[in-house]
């Protein structure tokens, strides 16, 4: 009985973390939000330069 109580009472000591687990989650959310903003900021970039694209298609496009 004494051995069983000792085994049940022993707990494995975990390695300490640098930050609380929620801080790691907060950093991940911040990084993904920043990457999402960068991706969102590049929307319609091709449409901003439509006149340059049409010039390039005039010399290369329809004959091929």
PDB file of N, CA and C in Angstrom:
ATOM      1  N   UNK A   1       0.821  -1.181   0.000  1.00  0.00           N
ATOM      2  CA  UNK A   1       0.000   0.000   0.000  1.00  0.00           C
ATOM      3  C   UNK A   1       0.874   1.258   0.000  1.00  0.00           C
ATOM      4  N   UNK A   2       1.956   1.233   0.721  1.00  0.00           N
ATOM      5  CA  UNK A   2       2.854   2.375   0.791  1.00  0.00           C
ATOM      6  C   UNK A   2       3.476   2.670  -0.579  1.00  0.00           C
ATOM      7  N   UNK A   3       3.859   1.631  -1.304  1.00  0.00           N
ATOM      8  CA  UNK A   3       4.447   1.804  -2.634  1.00  0.00           C
ATOM      9  C   UNK A   3       3.426   2.411  -3.595  1.00  0.00           C
ATOM     10  N   UNK A   4       2.204   1.946  -3.541  1.00  0.00           N
ATOM     11  CA  UNK A   4       1.142   2.466  -4.408  1.00  0.00           C
ATOM     12  C   UNK A   4       0.883   3.948  -4.127  1.00  0.00           C
ATOM     13  N   UNK A   5       0.864   4.330  -2.873  1.00  0.00           N
ATOM     14  CA  UNK A   5       0.655   5.737  -2.509  1.00  0.00           C
ATOM     15  C   UNK A   5       1.811   6.599  -2.998  1.00  0.00           C
ATOM     16  N   UNK A   6       3.036   6.083  -2.926  1.00  0.00           N
ATOM     17  CA  UNK A   6       4.210   6.820  -3.406  1.00  0.00           C
ATOM     18  C   UNK A   6       4.150   7.020  -4.909  1.00  0.00           C
ATOM     19  N   UNK A   7       3.786   5.968  -5.635  1.00  0.00           N
ATOM     20  CA  UNK A   7       3.698   6.069  -7.096  1.00  0.00           C
ATOM     21  C   UNK A   7       2.600   7.039  -7.500  1.00  0.00           C
ATOM     22  N   UNK A   8       1.473   6.988  -6.857  1.00  0.00           N
ATOM     23  CA  UNK A   8       0.371   7.886  -7.207  1.00  0.00           C
ATOM     24  C   UNK A   8       0.658   9.334  -6.814  1.00  0.00           C
ATOM     25  N   UNK A   9       1.416   9.545  -5.769  1.00  0.00           N
ATOM     26  CA  UNK A   9       1.702  10.890  -5.299  1.00  0.00           C
ATOM     27  C   UNK A   9       2.803  11.564  -6.118  1.00  0.00           C
ATOM     28  N   UNK A  10       3.664  10.749  -6.735  1.00  0.00           N
ATOM     29  CA  UNK A  10       4.751  11.319  -7.532  1.00  0.00           C
ATOM     30  C   UNK A  10       4.186  11.907  -8.804  1.00  0.00           C
ATOM     31  N   UNK A  11       4.616  13.090  -9.110  1.00  0.00           N
ATOM     32  CA  UNK A  11       4.239  13.708 -10.379  1.00  0.00           C
ATOM     33  C   UNK A  11       5.499  14.080 -11.114  1.00  0.00           C
ATOM     34  N   UNK A  12       5.420  14.000 -12.396  1.00  0.00           N
ATOM     35  CA  UNK A  12       6.575  14.330 -13.221  1.00  0.00           C
ATOM     36  C   UNK A  12       6.692  15.842 -13.313  1.00  0.00           C
ATOM     37  N   UNK A  13       7.868  16.352 -13.044  1.00  0.00           N
ATOM     38  CA  UNK A  13       8.076  17.793 -13.126  1.00  0.00           C
ATOM     39  C   UNK A  13       8.325  18.168 -14.576  1.00  0.00           C
ATOM     40  N   UNK A  14       7.527  19.085 -15.087  1.00  0.00           N
ATOM     41  CA  UNK A  14       7.652  19.502 -16.473  1.00  0.00           C
ATOM     42  C   UNK A  14       8.714  20.574 -16.614  1.00  0.00           C
ATOM     43  N   UNK A  15       9.271  20.666 -17.806  1.00  0.00           N
ATOM     44  CA  UNK A  15      10.255  21.706 -18.079  1.00  0.00           C
ATOM     45  C   UNK A  15       9.553  23.068 -18.062  1.00  0.00           C
ATOM     46  N   UNK A  16      10.164  24.055 -17.461  1.00  0.00           N
ATOM     47  CA  UNK A  16       9.520  25.379 -17.412  1.00  0.00           C
ATOM     48  C   UNK A  16       9.496  26.030 -18.800  1.00  0.00           C
ATOM     49  N   UNK A  17       8.424  26.745 -19.072  1.00  0.00           N
ATOM     50  CA  UNK A  17       8.297  27.458 -20.334  1.00  0.00           C
ATOM     51  C   UNK A  17       8.824  28.881 -20.174  1.00  0.00           C
ATOM     52  N   UNK A  18       9.196  29.490 -21.278  1.00  0.00           N
ATOM     53  CA  UNK A  18       9.666  30.874 -21.234  1.00  0.00           C
ATOM     54  C   UNK A  18       8.540  31.851 -20.909  1.00  0.00           C
ATOM     55  N   UNK A  19       7.337  31.512 -21.399  1.00  0.00           N
ATOM     56  CA  UNK A  19       6.169  32.370 -21.222  1.00  0.00           C
ATOM     57  C   UNK A  19       4.974  31.476 -20.908  1.00  0.00           C
ATOM     58  N   UNK A  20       3.898  32.059 -20.472  1.00  0.00           N
ATOM     59  CA  UNK A  20       2.674  31.275 -20.310  1.00  0.00           C
ATOM     60  C   UNK A  20       2.166  30.795 -21.678  1.00  0.00           C
ATOM     61  N   UNK A  21       1.458  29.692 -21.720  1.00  0.00           N
ATOM     62  CA  UNK A  21       0.976  29.173 -23.006  1.00  0.00           C
ATOM     63  C   UNK A  21       0.117  30.158 -23.796  1.00  0.00           C
ATOM     64  N   UNK A  22      -0.671  30.980 -23.116  1.00  0.00           N
ATOM     65  CA  UNK A  22      -1.485  31.954 -23.837  1.00  0.00           C
ATOM     66  C   UNK A  22      -0.636  33.028 -24.522  1.00  0.00           C
ATOM     67  N   UNK A  23       0.541  33.294 -24.014  1.00  0.00           N
ATOM     68  CA  UNK A  23       1.430  34.254 -24.668  1.00  0.00           C
ATOM     69  C   UNK A  23       1.918  33.700 -26.006  1.00  0.00           C
ATOM     70  N   UNK A  24       2.203  32.408 -26.058  1.00  0.00           N
ATOM     71  CA  UNK A  24       2.590  31.793 -27.326  1.00  0.00           C
ATOM     72  C   UNK A  24       1.443  31.894 -28.333  1.00  0.00           C
ATOM     73  N   UNK A  25       0.228  31.660 -27.879  1.00  0.00           N
ATOM     74  CA  UNK A  25      -0.939  31.769 -28.758  1.00  0.00           C
ATOM     75  C   UNK A  25      -1.119  33.214 -29.235  1.00  0.00           C
ATOM     76  N   UNK A  26      -0.903  34.169 -28.359  1.00  0.00           N
ATOM     77  CA  UNK A  26      -1.021  35.578 -28.742  1.00  0.00           C
ATOM     78  C   UNK A  26       0.004  35.980 -29.787  1.00  0.00           C
ATOM     79  N   UNK A  27       1.213  35.480 -29.643  1.00  0.00           N
ATOM     80  CA  UNK A  27       2.246  35.777 -30.635  1.00  0.00           C
ATOM     81  C   UNK A  27       1.873  35.164 -31.982  1.00  0.00           C
ATOM     82  N   UNK A  28       1.363  33.939 -31.976  1.00  0.00           N
ATOM     83  CA  UNK A  28       0.953  33.291 -33.226  1.00  0.00           C
ATOM     84  C   UNK A  28      -0.173  34.070 -33.898  1.00  0.00           C
ATOM     85  N   UNK A  29      -1.151  34.521 -33.128  1.00  0.00           N
ATOM     86  CA  UNK A  29      -2.256  35.311 -33.684  1.00  0.00           C
ATOM     87  C   UNK A  29      -1.727  36.611 -34.277  1.00  0.00           C
ATOM     88  N   UNK A  30      -0.805  37.265 -33.592  1.00  0.00           N
ATOM     89  CA  UNK A  30      -0.241  38.520 -34.091  1.00  0.00           C
ATOM     90  C   UNK A  30       0.526  38.306 -35.394  1.00  0.00           C
ATOM     91  N   UNK A  31       1.303  37.237 -35.470  1.00  0.00           N
ATOM     92  CA  UNK A  31       2.074  36.956 -36.689  1.00  0.00           C
ATOM     93  C   UNK A  31       1.135  36.663 -37.854  1.00  0.00           C
ATOM     94  N   UNK A  32       0.113  35.827 -37.630  1.00  0.00           N
ATOM     95  CA  UNK A  32      -0.817  35.518 -38.714  1.00  0.00           C
ATOM     96  C   UNK A  32      -1.624  36.743 -39.130  1.00  0.00           C
ATOM     97  N   UNK A  33      -1.954  37.609 -38.195  1.00  0.00           N
ATOM     98  CA  UNK A  33      -2.658  38.842 -38.541  1.00  0.00           C
ATOM     99  C   UNK A  33      -1.772  39.743 -39.389  1.00  0.00           C
ATOM    100  N   UNK A  34      -0.517  39.866 -39.017  1.00  0.00           N
ATOM    101  CA  UNK A  34       0.415  40.676 -39.796  1.00  0.00           C
ATOM    102  C   UNK A  34       0.591  40.109 -41.198  1.00  0.00           C
ATOM    103  N   UNK A  35       0.755  38.797 -41.315  1.00  0.00           N
ATOM    104  CA  UNK A  35       0.900  38.178 -42.632  1.00  0.00           C
ATOM    105  C   UNK A  35      -0.376  38.331 -43.458  1.00  0.00           C
ATOM    106  N   UNK A  36      -1.528  38.250 -42.816  1.00  0.00           N
ATOM    107  CA  UNK A  36      -2.784  38.468 -43.523  1.00  0.00           C
ATOM    108  C   UNK A  36      -2.900  39.895 -44.029  1.00  0.00           C
ATOM    109  N   UNK A  37      -2.458  40.865 -43.245  1.00  0.00           N
ATOM    110  CA  UNK A  37      -2.492  42.255 -43.686  1.00  0.00           C
ATOM    111  C   UNK A  37      -1.563  42.480 -44.868  1.00  0.00           C
ATOM    112  N   UNK A  38      -0.381  41.884 -44.840  1.00  0.00           N
ATOM    113  CA  UNK A  38       0.560  42.019 -45.965  1.00  0.00           C
ATOM    114  C   UNK A  38      -0.052  41.413 -47.222  1.00  0.00           C
ATOM    115  N   UNK A  39      -0.659  40.240 -47.092  1.00  0.00           N
ATOM    116  CA  UNK A  39      -1.300  39.601 -48.244  1.00  0.00           C
ATOM    117  C   UNK A  39      -2.459  40.452 -48.749  1.00  0.00           C
ATOM    118  N   UNK A  40      -3.256  40.979 -47.850  1.00  0.00           N
ATOM    119  CA  UNK A  40      -4.402  41.808 -48.230  1.00  0.00           C
ATOM    120  C   UNK A  40      -3.952  43.093 -48.928  1.00  0.00           C
ATOM    121  N   UNK A  41      -2.815  43.633 -48.539  1.00  0.00           N
ATOM    122  CA  UNK A  41      -2.351  44.890 -49.124  1.00  0.00           C
ATOM    123  C   UNK A  41      -1.911  44.736 -50.571  1.00  0.00           C
ATOM    124  N   UNK A  42      -1.655  43.518 -51.045  1.00  0.00           N
ATOM    125  CA  UNK A  42      -1.242  43.291 -52.420  1.00  0.00           C
ATOM    126  C   UNK A  42      -2.399  42.979 -53.357  1.00  0.00           C
ATOM    127  N   UNK A  43      -3.630  43.115 -52.906  1.00  0.00           N
ATOM    128  CA  UNK A  43      -4.761  42.816 -53.778  1.00  0.00           C
ATOM    129  C   UNK A  43      -4.848  43.850 -54.892  1.00  0.00           C
ATOM    130  N   UNK A  44      -5.251  43.423 -56.050  1.00  0.00           N
ATOM    131  CA  UNK A  44      -5.438  44.267 -57.240  1.00  0.00           C
ATOM    132  C   UNK A  44      -4.166  44.988 -57.676  1.00  0.00           C
ATOM    133  N   UNK A  45      -3.010  44.450 -57.401  1.00  0.00           N
ATOM    134  CA  UNK A  45      -1.773  45.095 -57.848  1.00  0.00           C
ATOM    135  C   UNK A  45      -1.681  45.033 -59.361  1.00  0.00           C
ATOM    136  N   UNK A  46      -2.093  43.933 -59.985  1.00  0.00           N
ATOM    137  CA  UNK A  46      -2.040  43.814 -61.443  1.00  0.00           C
ATOM    138  C   UNK A  46      -2.972  44.827 -62.111  1.00  0.00           C
ATOM    139  N   UNK A  47      -4.092  45.138 -61.499  1.00  0.00           N
ATOM    140  CA  UNK A  47      -5.026  46.087 -62.104  1.00  0.00           C
ATOM    141  C   UNK A  47      -4.538  47.528 -62.013  1.00  0.00           C
ATOM    142  N   UNK A  48      -3.625  47.815 -61.152  1.00  0.00           N
ATOM    143  CA  UNK A  48      -3.104  49.177 -61.048  1.00  0.00           C
ATOM    144  C   UNK A  48      -2.239  49.541 -62.241  1.00  0.00           C
ATOM    145  N   UNK A  49      -1.675  48.523 -62.872  1.00  0.00           N
ATOM    146  CA  UNK A  49      -0.746  48.761 -63.971  1.00  0.00           C
ATOM    147  C   UNK A  49      -1.300  48.198 -65.272  1.00  0.00           C
ATOM    148  N   UNK A  50      -2.575  48.408 -65.534  1.00  0.00           N
ATOM    149  CA  UNK A  50      -3.224  47.840 -66.710  1.00  0.00           C
ATOM    150  C   UNK A  50      -2.658  48.427 -67.997  1.00  0.00           C
ATOM    151  N   UNK A  51      -2.275  49.701 -68.004  1.00  0.00           N
ATOM    152  CA  UNK A  51      -1.750  50.303 -69.228  1.00  0.00           C
ATOM    153  C   UNK A  51      -0.396  49.690 -69.606  1.00  0.00           C
ATOM    154  N   UNK A  52       0.427  49.338 -68.660  1.00  0.00           N
ATOM    155  CA  UNK A  52       1.704  48.697 -68.947  1.00  0.00           C
ATOM    156  C   UNK A  52       1.493  47.280 -69.471  1.00  0.00           C
ATOM    157  N   UNK A  53       0.520  46.578 -68.935  1.00  0.00           N
ATOM    158  CA  UNK A  53       0.242  45.214 -69.385  1.00  0.00           C
ATOM    159  C   UNK A  53      -0.294  45.222 -70.808  1.00  0.00           C
ATOM    160  N   UNK A  54      -1.126  46.185 -71.154  1.00  0.00           N
ATOM    161  CA  UNK A  54      -1.672  46.223 -72.508  1.00  0.00           C
ATOM    162  C   UNK A  54      -0.593  46.575 -73.524  1.00  0.00           C
ATOM    163  N   UNK A  55       0.382  47.397 -73.183  1.00  0.00           N
ATOM    164  CA  UNK A  55       1.492  47.693 -74.086  1.00  0.00           C
ATOM    165  C   UNK A  55       2.294  46.431 -74.377  1.00  0.00           C
ATOM    166  N   UNK A  56       2.568  45.668 -73.356  1.00  0.00           N
ATOM    167  CA  UNK A  56       3.332  44.442 -73.532  1.00  0.00           C
ATOM    168  C   UNK A  56       2.586  43.411 -74.358  1.00  0.00           C
ATOM    169  N   UNK A  57       1.268  43.351 -74.247  1.00  0.00           N
ATOM    170  CA  UNK A  57       0.497  42.390 -75.008  1.00  0.00           C
ATOM    171  C   UNK A  57       0.404  42.800 -76.468  1.00  0.00           C
ATOM    172  N   UNK A  58       0.482  44.083 -76.768  1.00  0.00           N
ATOM    173  CA  UNK A  58       0.405  44.523 -78.164  1.00  0.00           C
ATOM    174  C   UNK A  58       1.576  43.973 -78.982  1.00  0.00           C
ATOM    175  N   UNK A  59       2.753  43.927 -78.392  1.00  0.00           N
ATOM    176  CA  UNK A  59       3.910  43.474 -79.154  1.00  0.00           C
ATOM    177  C   UNK A  59       4.114  41.955 -79.099  1.00  0.00           C
ATOM    178  N   UNK A  60       3.542  41.288 -78.126  1.00  0.00           N
ATOM    179  CA  UNK A  60       3.802  39.855 -77.965  1.00  0.00           C
ATOM    180  C   UNK A  60       2.579  38.969 -78.131  1.00  0.00           C
ATOM    181  N   UNK A  61       1.387  39.510 -77.949  1.00  0.00           N
ATOM    182  CA  UNK A  61       0.231  38.676 -77.682  1.00  0.00           C
ATOM    183  C   UNK A  61      -0.433  37.948 -78.823  1.00  0.00           C
ATOM    184  N   UNK A  62      -1.125  38.617 -79.720  1.00  0.00           N
ATOM    185  CA  UNK A  62      -2.090  37.985 -80.603  1.00  0.00           C
ATOM    186  C   UNK A  62      -1.445  37.101 -81.664  1.00  0.00           C
ATOM    187  N   UNK A  63      -0.255  37.333 -82.072  1.00  0.00           N
ATOM    188  CA  UNK A  63       0.380  36.556 -83.134  1.00  0.00           C
ATOM    189  C   UNK A  63       0.762  35.157 -82.727  1.00  0.00           C
ATOM    190  N   UNK A  64       0.805  34.859 -81.456  1.00  0.00           N
ATOM    191  CA  UNK A  64       1.256  33.519 -81.015  1.00  0.00           C
ATOM    192  C   UNK A  64       0.087  32.696 -80.813  1.00  0.00           C
TER     193      UNK A  64
END
